[in-house]
Amino acid sequence: MKKLLLFAAVTIPLAACADMTPTQQRALTGTAIGAGGGAAIGAIAGNAGLGAGIGAGAGLLGGLLVDRSRQAQDAAFQQGFAAGQQRR
């Protein structure tokens, strides 16, 4: 029974991310990592819930910043690739 619950706990979130855009995936990942880290730090400081909330907000912002950076990299690559193709 425990193995089934563990399997469901791992596979359901992965399946839920399948239809998300890369921006949504990065935002969700950042939020989850931030909430986990914030909860851990908050537990040490005495308020895990507040730490998780603050960490989730910071993680969301970080995830969105990473996404913006990746989009800029992709755009620069596509521009460089197009310029290289025109020179042929």
PDB file of N, CA and C in Angstrom:
ATOM      1  N   MET A   1       0.811  -1.181   0.000  1.00  0.00           N
ATOM      2  CA  MET A   1       0.000   0.000   0.000  1.00  0.00           C
ATOM      3  C   MET A   1       0.867   1.264   0.000  1.00  0.00           C
ATOM      4  N   LYS A   2       1.953   1.233   0.806  1.00  0.00           N
ATOM      5  CA  LYS A   2       2.827   2.396   0.876  1.00  0.00           C
ATOM      6  C   LYS A   2       3.511   2.644  -0.467  1.00  0.00           C
ATOM      7  N   LYS A   3       3.858   1.560  -1.154  1.00  0.00           N
ATOM      8  CA  LYS A   3       4.512   1.711  -2.456  1.00  0.00           C
ATOM      9  C   LYS A   3       3.565   2.352  -3.467  1.00  0.00           C
ATOM     10  N   LEU A   4       2.296   1.989  -3.405  1.00  0.00           N
ATOM     11  CA  LEU A   4       1.309   2.570  -4.312  1.00  0.00           C
ATOM     12  C   LEU A   4       1.131   4.061  -4.042  1.00  0.00           C
ATOM     13  N   LEU A   5       1.068   4.438  -2.779  1.00  0.00           N
ATOM     14  CA  LEU A   5       0.941   5.851  -2.437  1.00  0.00           C
ATOM     15  C   LEU A   5       2.180   6.640  -2.855  1.00  0.00           C
ATOM     16  N   LEU A   6       3.343   6.076  -2.659  1.00  0.00           N
ATOM     17  CA  LEU A   6       4.578   6.729  -3.077  1.00  0.00           C
ATOM     18  C   LEU A   6       4.618   6.887  -4.595  1.00  0.00           C
ATOM     19  N   PHE A   7       4.222   5.833  -5.294  1.00  0.00           N
ATOM     20  CA  PHE A   7       4.178   5.895  -6.761  1.00  0.00           C
ATOM     21  C   PHE A   7       3.208   6.983  -7.230  1.00  0.00           C
ATOM     22  N   ALA A   8       2.036   7.060  -6.614  1.00  0.00           N
ATOM     23  CA  ALA A   8       1.049   8.081  -6.988  1.00  0.00           C
ATOM     24  C   ALA A   8       1.557   9.481  -6.658  1.00  0.00           C
ATOM     25  N   ALA A   9       2.241   9.615  -5.534  1.00  0.00           N
ATOM     26  CA  ALA A   9       2.762  10.926  -5.136  1.00  0.00           C
ATOM     27  C   ALA A   9       3.825  11.431  -6.104  1.00  0.00           C
ATOM     28  N   VAL A  10       4.530  10.526  -6.744  1.00  0.00           N
ATOM     29  CA  VAL A  10       5.581  10.927  -7.693  1.00  0.00           C
ATOM     30  C   VAL A  10       5.011  11.120  -9.091  1.00  0.00           C
ATOM     31  N   THR A  11       4.149  10.241  -9.538  1.00  0.00           N
ATOM     32  CA  THR A  11       3.693  10.288 -10.931  1.00  0.00           C
ATOM     33  C   THR A  11       2.596  11.304 -11.206  1.00  0.00           C
ATOM     34  N   ILE A  12       1.717  11.554 -10.256  1.00  0.00           N
ATOM     35  CA  ILE A  12       0.619  12.503 -10.507  1.00  0.00           C
ATOM     36  C   ILE A  12       1.147  13.914 -10.769  1.00  0.00           C
ATOM     37  N   PRO A  13       2.055  14.437  -9.958  1.00  0.00           N
ATOM     38  CA  PRO A  13       2.574  15.773 -10.288  1.00  0.00           C
ATOM     39  C   PRO A  13       3.320  15.817 -11.624  1.00  0.00           C
ATOM     40  N   LEU A  14       4.026  14.761 -11.958  1.00  0.00           N
ATOM     41  CA  LEU A  14       4.723  14.725 -13.243  1.00  0.00           C
ATOM     42  C   LEU A  14       3.740  14.723 -14.406  1.00  0.00           C
ATOM     43  N   ALA A  15       2.664  13.987 -14.278  1.00  0.00           N
ATOM     44  CA  ALA A  15       1.655  13.947 -15.332  1.00  0.00           C
ATOM     45  C   ALA A  15       0.935  15.284 -15.453  1.00  0.00           C
ATOM     46  N   ALA A  16       0.767  15.971 -14.352  1.00  0.00           N
ATOM     47  CA  ALA A  16       0.081  17.260 -14.385  1.00  0.00           C
ATOM     48  C   ALA A  16       0.887  18.311 -15.132  1.00  0.00           C
ATOM     49  N   CYS A  17       2.190  18.162 -15.186  1.00  0.00           N
ATOM     50  CA  CYS A  17       3.056  19.139 -15.860  1.00  0.00           C
ATOM     51  C   CYS A  17       3.134  18.907 -17.370  1.00  0.00           C
ATOM     52  N   ALA A  18       2.567  17.843 -17.856  1.00  0.00           N
ATOM     53  CA  ALA A  18       2.727  17.486 -19.262  1.00  0.00           C
ATOM     54  C   ALA A  18       2.102  18.498 -20.214  1.00  0.00           C
ATOM     55  N   ASP A  19       1.006  19.113 -19.843  1.00  0.00           N
ATOM     56  CA  ASP A  19       0.311  20.038 -20.732  1.00  0.00           C
ATOM     57  C   ASP A  19       0.631  21.497 -20.445  1.00  0.00           C
ATOM     58  N   MET A  20       1.681  21.751 -19.676  1.00  0.00           N
ATOM     59  CA  MET A  20       2.032  23.123 -19.322  1.00  0.00           C
ATOM     60  C   MET A  20       3.053  23.688 -20.302  1.00  0.00           C
ATOM     61  N   THR A  21       3.025  25.000 -20.455  1.00  0.00           N
ATOM     62  CA  THR A  21       4.043  25.664 -21.268  1.00  0.00           C
ATOM     63  C   THR A  21       5.351  25.687 -20.469  1.00  0.00           C
ATOM     64  N   PRO A  22       6.478  25.903 -21.139  1.00  0.00           N
ATOM     65  CA  PRO A  22       7.736  26.000 -20.392  1.00  0.00           C
ATOM     66  C   PRO A  22       7.713  27.099 -19.324  1.00  0.00           C
ATOM     67  N   THR A  23       7.054  28.204 -19.606  1.00  0.00           N
ATOM     68  CA  THR A  23       6.948  29.279 -18.611  1.00  0.00           C
ATOM     69  C   THR A  23       6.200  28.794 -17.375  1.00  0.00           C
ATOM     70  N   GLN A  24       5.102  28.096 -17.576  1.00  0.00           N
ATOM     71  CA  GLN A  24       4.327  27.586 -16.450  1.00  0.00           C
ATOM     72  C   GLN A  24       5.122  26.546 -15.671  1.00  0.00           C
ATOM     73  N   GLN A  25       5.857  25.690 -16.383  1.00  0.00           N
ATOM     74  CA  GLN A  25       6.653  24.676 -15.707  1.00  0.00           C
ATOM     75  C   GLN A  25       7.741  25.312 -14.850  1.00  0.00           C
ATOM     76  N   ARG A  26       8.414  26.325 -15.392  1.00  0.00           N
ATOM     77  CA  ARG A  26       9.477  26.981 -14.625  1.00  0.00           C
ATOM     78  C   ARG A  26       8.907  27.731 -13.427  1.00  0.00           C
ATOM     79  N   ALA A  27       7.758  28.358 -13.594  1.00  0.00           N
ATOM     80  CA  ALA A  27       7.125  29.060 -12.474  1.00  0.00           C
ATOM     81  C   ALA A  27       6.726  28.066 -11.388  1.00  0.00           C
ATOM     82  N   LEU A  28       6.149  26.953 -11.767  1.00  0.00           N
ATOM     83  CA  LEU A  28       5.740  25.940 -10.794  1.00  0.00           C
ATOM     84  C   LEU A  28       6.945  25.330 -10.093  1.00  0.00           C
ATOM     85  N   THR A  29       7.978  25.031 -10.845  1.00  0.00           N
ATOM     86  CA  THR A  29       9.185  24.455 -10.252  1.00  0.00           C
ATOM     87  C   THR A  29       9.815  25.426  -9.264  1.00  0.00           C
ATOM     88  N   GLY A  30       9.923  26.688  -9.658  1.00  0.00           N
ATOM     89  CA  GLY A  30      10.484  27.683  -8.756  1.00  0.00           C
ATOM     90  C   GLY A  30       9.665  27.835  -7.491  1.00  0.00           C
ATOM     91  N   THR A  31       8.347  27.832  -7.653  1.00  0.00           N
ATOM     92  CA  THR A  31       7.470  27.961  -6.491  1.00  0.00           C
ATOM     93  C   THR A  31       7.630  26.771  -5.554  1.00  0.00           C
ATOM     94  N   ALA A  32       7.669  25.571  -6.105  1.00  0.00           N
ATOM     95  CA  ALA A  32       7.793  24.372  -5.267  1.00  0.00           C
ATOM     96  C   ALA A  32       9.135  24.334  -4.541  1.00  0.00           C
ATOM     97  N   ILE A  33      10.200  24.646  -5.247  1.00  0.00           N
ATOM     98  CA  ILE A  33      11.522  24.638  -4.617  1.00  0.00           C
ATOM     99  C   ILE A  33      11.603  25.734  -3.556  1.00  0.00           C
ATOM    100  N   GLY A  34      11.079  26.912  -3.877  1.00  0.00           N
ATOM    101  CA  GLY A  34      11.083  28.001  -2.902  1.00  0.00           C
ATOM    102  C   GLY A  34      10.267  27.686  -1.668  1.00  0.00           C
ATOM    103  N   ALA A  35       9.109  27.089  -1.861  1.00  0.00           N
ATOM    104  CA  ALA A  35       8.262  26.737  -0.715  1.00  0.00           C
ATOM    105  C   ALA A  35       8.944  25.693   0.161  1.00  0.00           C
ATOM    106  N   GLY A  36       9.569  24.714  -0.462  1.00  0.00           N
ATOM    107  CA  GLY A  36      10.269  23.688   0.317  1.00  0.00           C
ATOM    108  C   GLY A  36      11.438  24.262   1.104  1.00  0.00           C
ATOM    109  N   GLY A  37      12.233  25.069   0.432  1.00  0.00           N
ATOM    110  CA  GLY A  37      13.362  25.688   1.121  1.00  0.00           C
ATOM    111  C   GLY A  37      12.913  26.655   2.196  1.00  0.00           C
ATOM    112  N   GLY A  38      11.867  27.439   1.891  1.00  0.00           N
ATOM    113  CA  GLY A  38      11.344  28.375   2.879  1.00  0.00           C
ATOM    114  C   GLY A  38      10.756  27.670   4.087  1.00  0.00           C
ATOM    115  N   ALA A  39      10.093  26.546   3.853  1.00  0.00           N
ATOM    116  CA  ALA A  39       9.532  25.782   4.970  1.00  0.00           C
ATOM    117  C   ALA A  39      10.638  25.229   5.864  1.00  0.00           C
ATOM    118  N   ALA A  40      11.714  24.771   5.238  1.00  0.00           N
ATOM    119  CA  ALA A  40      12.829  24.241   6.025  1.00  0.00           C
ATOM    120  C   ALA A  40      13.476  25.342   6.863  1.00  0.00           C
ATOM    121  N   ILE A  41      13.727  26.485   6.246  1.00  0.00           N
ATOM    122  CA  ILE A  41      14.327  27.598   6.986  1.00  0.00           C
ATOM    123  C   ILE A  41      13.348  28.133   8.031  1.00  0.00           C
ATOM    124  N   GLY A  42      12.065  28.214   7.656  1.00  0.00           N
ATOM    125  CA  GLY A  42      11.057  28.672   8.596  1.00  0.00           C
ATOM    126  C   GLY A  42      10.910  27.746   9.789  1.00  0.00           C
ATOM    127  N   ALA A  43      11.048  26.441   9.568  1.00  0.00           N
ATOM    128  CA  ALA A  43      10.948  25.485  10.668  1.00  0.00           C
ATOM    129  C   ALA A  43      12.089  25.692  11.663  1.00  0.00           C
ATOM    130  N   ILE A  44      13.254  26.007  11.135  1.00  0.00           N
ATOM    131  CA  ILE A  44      14.388  26.264  12.022  1.00  0.00           C
ATOM    132  C   ILE A  44      14.151  27.556  12.814  1.00  0.00           C
ATOM    133  N   ALA A  45      13.572  28.554  12.141  1.00  0.00           N
ATOM    134  CA  ALA A  45      13.328  29.848  12.777  1.00  0.00           C
ATOM    135  C   ALA A  45      12.079  29.840  13.652  1.00  0.00           C
ATOM    136  N   GLY A  46      11.216  28.848  13.497  1.00  0.00           N
ATOM    137  CA  GLY A  46      10.052  28.748  14.367  1.00  0.00           C
ATOM    138  C   GLY A  46       8.699  28.912  13.699  1.00  0.00           C
ATOM    139  N   ASN A  47       8.641  29.198  12.381  1.00  0.00           N
ATOM    140  CA  ASN A  47       7.354  29.358  11.709  1.00  0.00           C
ATOM    141  C   ASN A  47       7.472  28.811  10.287  1.00  0.00           C
ATOM    142  N   ALA A  48       7.228  27.529  10.130  1.00  0.00           N
ATOM    143  CA  ALA A  48       7.388  26.875   8.827  1.00  0.00           C
ATOM    144  C   ALA A  48       6.395  27.399   7.800  1.00  0.00           C
ATOM    145  N   GLY A  49       5.169  27.712   8.211  1.00  0.00           N
ATOM    146  CA  GLY A  49       4.157  28.202   7.272  1.00  0.00           C
ATOM    147  C   GLY A  49       4.539  29.537   6.664  1.00  0.00           C
ATOM    148  N   LEU A  50       4.997  30.460   7.487  1.00  0.00           N
ATOM    149  CA  LEU A  50       5.420  31.762   6.993  1.00  0.00           C
ATOM    150  C   LEU A  50       6.636  31.611   6.077  1.00  0.00           C
ATOM    151  N   GLY A  51       7.554  30.762   6.470  1.00  0.00           N
ATOM    152  CA  GLY A  51       8.736  30.515   5.632  1.00  0.00           C
ATOM    153  C   GLY A  51       8.361  29.922   4.292  1.00  0.00           C
ATOM    154  N   ALA A  52       7.401  29.001   4.287  1.00  0.00           N
ATOM    155  CA  ALA A  52       6.961  28.395   3.027  1.00  0.00           C
ATOM    156  C   ALA A  52       6.293  29.429   2.137  1.00  0.00           C
ATOM    157  N   GLY A  53       5.490  30.307   2.713  1.00  0.00           N
ATOM    158  CA  GLY A  53       4.825  31.349   1.923  1.00  0.00           C
ATOM    159  C   GLY A  53       5.823  32.315   1.308  1.00  0.00           C
ATOM    160  N   ILE A  54       6.771  32.770   2.102  1.00  0.00           N
ATOM    161  CA  ILE A  54       7.788  33.692   1.594  1.00  0.00           C
ATOM    162  C   ILE A  54       8.658  32.989   0.554  1.00  0.00           C
ATOM    163  N   GLY A  55       9.031  31.749   0.832  1.00  0.00           N
ATOM    164  CA  GLY A  55       9.844  30.987  -0.110  1.00  0.00           C
ATOM    165  C   GLY A  55       9.125  30.730  -1.420  1.00  0.00           C
ATOM    166  N   ALA A  56       7.817  30.478  -1.353  1.00  0.00           N
ATOM    167  CA  ALA A  56       7.041  30.243  -2.576  1.00  0.00           C
ATOM    168  C   ALA A  56       7.013  31.496  -3.440  1.00  0.00           C
ATOM    169  N   GLY A  57       6.830  32.654  -2.815  1.00  0.00           N
ATOM    170  CA  GLY A  57       6.842  33.903  -3.577  1.00  0.00           C
ATOM    171  C   GLY A  57       8.198  34.170  -4.211  1.00  0.00           C
ATOM    172  N   ALA A  58       9.254  33.970  -3.441  1.00  0.00           N
ATOM    173  CA  ALA A  58      10.598  34.175  -3.974  1.00  0.00           C
ATOM    174  C   ALA A  58      10.914  33.157  -5.070  1.00  0.00           C
ATOM    175  N   GLY A  59      10.464  31.928  -4.882  1.00  0.00           N
ATOM    176  CA  GLY A  59      10.692  30.893  -5.896  1.00  0.00           C
ATOM    177  C   GLY A  59       9.940  31.177  -7.182  1.00  0.00           C
ATOM    178  N   LEU A  60       8.722  31.671  -7.065  1.00  0.00           N
ATOM    179  CA  LEU A  60       7.949  32.042  -8.249  1.00  0.00           C
ATOM    180  C   LEU A  60       8.669  33.132  -9.027  1.00  0.00           C
ATOM    181  N   LEU A  61       9.135  34.157  -8.329  1.00  0.00           N
ATOM    182  CA  LEU A  61       9.868  35.235  -8.986  1.00  0.00           C
ATOM    183  C   LEU A  61      11.137  34.697  -9.642  1.00  0.00           C
ATOM    184  N   GLY A  62      11.851  33.834  -8.939  1.00  0.00           N
ATOM    185  CA  GLY A  62      13.060  33.242  -9.516  1.00  0.00           C
ATOM    186  C   GLY A  62      12.762  32.400 -10.739  1.00  0.00           C
ATOM    187  N   GLY A  63      11.696  31.618 -10.689  1.00  0.00           N
ATOM    188  CA  GLY A  63      11.323  30.791 -11.833  1.00  0.00           C
ATOM    189  C   GLY A  63      10.968  31.620 -13.048  1.00  0.00           C
ATOM    190  N   LEU A  64      10.265  32.728 -12.819  1.00  0.00           N
ATOM    191  CA  LEU A  64       9.897  33.599 -13.935  1.00  0.00           C
ATOM    192  C   LEU A  64      11.120  34.326 -14.507  1.00  0.00           C
ATOM    193  N   LEU A  65      12.070  34.694 -13.647  1.00  0.00           N
ATOM    194  CA  LEU A  65      13.304  35.317 -14.133  1.00  0.00           C
ATOM    195  C   LEU A  65      14.138  34.339 -14.955  1.00  0.00           C
ATOM    196  N   VAL A  66      14.204  33.104 -14.509  1.00  0.00           N
ATOM    197  CA  VAL A  66      14.915  32.081 -15.281  1.00  0.00           C
ATOM    198  C   VAL A  66      14.244  31.889 -16.636  1.00  0.00           C
ATOM    199  N   ASP A  67      12.922  31.881 -16.646  1.00  0.00           N
ATOM    200  CA  ASP A  67      12.196  31.721 -17.904  1.00  0.00           C
ATOM    201  C   ASP A  67      12.484  32.867 -18.858  1.00  0.00           C
ATOM    202  N   ARG A  68      12.480  34.076 -18.352  1.00  0.00           N
ATOM    203  CA  ARG A  68      12.762  35.232 -19.212  1.00  0.00           C
ATOM    204  C   ARG A  68      14.183  35.139 -19.788  1.00  0.00           C
ATOM    205  N   SER A  69      15.120  34.699 -18.976  1.00  0.00           N
ATOM    206  CA  SER A  69      16.494  34.534 -19.446  1.00  0.00           C
ATOM    207  C   SER A  69      16.578  33.465 -20.535  1.00  0.00           C
ATOM    208  N   ARG A  70      15.902  32.344 -20.338  1.00  0.00           N
ATOM    209  CA  ARG A  70      15.913  31.272 -21.347  1.00  0.00           C
ATOM    210  C   ARG A  70      15.267  31.726 -22.647  1.00  0.00           C
ATOM    211  N   GLN A  71      14.193  32.500 -22.539  1.00  0.00           N
ATOM    212  CA  GLN A  71      13.541  33.000 -23.746  1.00  0.00           C
ATOM    213  C   GLN A  71      14.471  33.944 -24.508  1.00  0.00           C
ATOM    214  N   ALA A  72      15.205  34.777 -23.781  1.00  0.00           N
ATOM    215  CA  ALA A  72      16.149  35.689 -24.433  1.00  0.00           C
ATOM    216  C   ALA A  72      17.277  34.900 -25.104  1.00  0.00           C
ATOM    217  N   GLN A  73      17.751  33.845 -24.461  1.00  0.00           N
ATOM    218  CA  GLN A  73      18.786  33.006 -25.056  1.00  0.00           C
ATOM    219  C   GLN A  73      18.275  32.331 -26.320  1.00  0.00           C
ATOM    220  N   ASP A  74      17.072  31.814 -26.263  1.00  0.00           N
ATOM    221  CA  ASP A  74      16.491  31.158 -27.434  1.00  0.00           C
ATOM    222  C   ASP A  74      16.315  32.133 -28.595  1.00  0.00           C
ATOM    223  N   ALA A  75      15.859  33.345 -28.282  1.00  0.00           N
ATOM    224  CA  ALA A  75      15.674  34.352 -29.330  1.00  0.00           C
ATOM    225  C   ALA A  75      17.013  34.735 -29.956  1.00  0.00           C
ATOM    226  N   ALA A  76      18.048  34.902 -29.116  1.00  0.00           N
ATOM    227  CA  ALA A  76      19.370  35.243 -29.636  1.00  0.00           C
ATOM    228  C   ALA A  76      19.921  34.108 -30.507  1.00  0.00           C
ATOM    229  N   PHE A  77      19.697  32.883 -30.091  1.00  0.00           N
ATOM    230  CA  PHE A  77      20.149  31.746 -30.892  1.00  0.00           C
ATOM    231  C   PHE A  77      19.442  31.722 -32.235  1.00  0.00           C
ATOM    232  N   GLN A  78      18.132  31.921 -32.227  1.00  0.00           N
ATOM    233  CA  GLN A  78      17.380  31.901 -33.478  1.00  0.00           C
ATOM    234  C   GLN A  78      17.812  33.023 -34.412  1.00  0.00           C
ATOM    235  N   GLN A  79      18.102  34.192 -33.866  1.00  0.00           N
ATOM    236  CA  GLN A  79      18.578  35.306 -34.694  1.00  0.00           C
ATOM    237  C   GLN A  79      19.942  34.982 -35.293  1.00  0.00           C
ATOM    238  N   GLY A  80      20.827  34.441 -34.485  1.00  0.00           N
ATOM    239  CA  GLY A  80      22.149  34.068 -34.981  1.00  0.00           C
ATOM    240  C   GLY A  80      22.071  32.966 -36.024  1.00  0.00           C
ATOM    241  N   PHE A  81      21.208  32.010 -35.798  1.00  0.00           N
ATOM    242  CA  PHE A  81      21.048  30.924 -36.759  1.00  0.00           C
ATOM    243  C   PHE A  81      20.510  31.449 -38.081  1.00  0.00           C
ATOM    244  N   ALA A  82      19.502  32.336 -38.008  1.00  0.00           N
ATOM    245  CA  ALA A  82      18.930  32.914 -39.225  1.00  0.00           C
ATOM    246  C   ALA A  82      19.968  33.746 -39.974  1.00  0.00           C
ATOM    247  N   ALA A  83      20.778  34.494 -39.245  1.00  0.00           N
ATOM    248  CA  ALA A  83      21.827  35.298 -39.891  1.00  0.00           C
ATOM    249  C   ALA A  83      22.863  34.395 -40.562  1.00  0.00           C
ATOM    250  N   GLY A  84      23.191  33.296 -39.928  1.00  0.00           N
ATOM    251  CA  GLY A  84      24.126  32.348 -40.517  1.00  0.00           C
ATOM    252  C   GLY A  84      23.577  31.692 -41.766  1.00  0.00           C
ATOM    253  N   GLN A  85      22.287  31.412 -41.782  1.00  0.00           N
ATOM    254  CA  GLN A  85      21.672  30.799 -42.948  1.00  0.00           C
ATOM    255  C   GLN A  85      21.617  31.778 -44.124  1.00  0.00           C
ATOM    256  N   GLN A  86      21.481  33.063 -43.863  1.00  0.00           N
ATOM    257  CA  GLN A  86      21.413  34.059 -44.932  1.00  0.00           C
ATOM    258  C   GLN A  86      22.777  34.275 -45.578  1.00  0.00           C
ATOM    259  N   ARG A  87      23.850  34.031 -44.862  1.00  0.00           N
ATOM    260  CA  ARG A  87      25.186  34.227 -45.403  1.00  0.00           C
ATOM    261  C   ARG A  87      25.624  33.132 -46.356  1.00  0.00           C
ATOM    262  N   ARG A  88      24.910  32.062 -46.396  1.00  0.00           N
ATOM    263  CA  ARG A  88      25.292  30.936 -47.267  1.00  0.00           C
ATOM    264  C   ARG A  88      25.057  31.251 -48.668  1.00  0.00           C
TER     265      ARG A  88
END
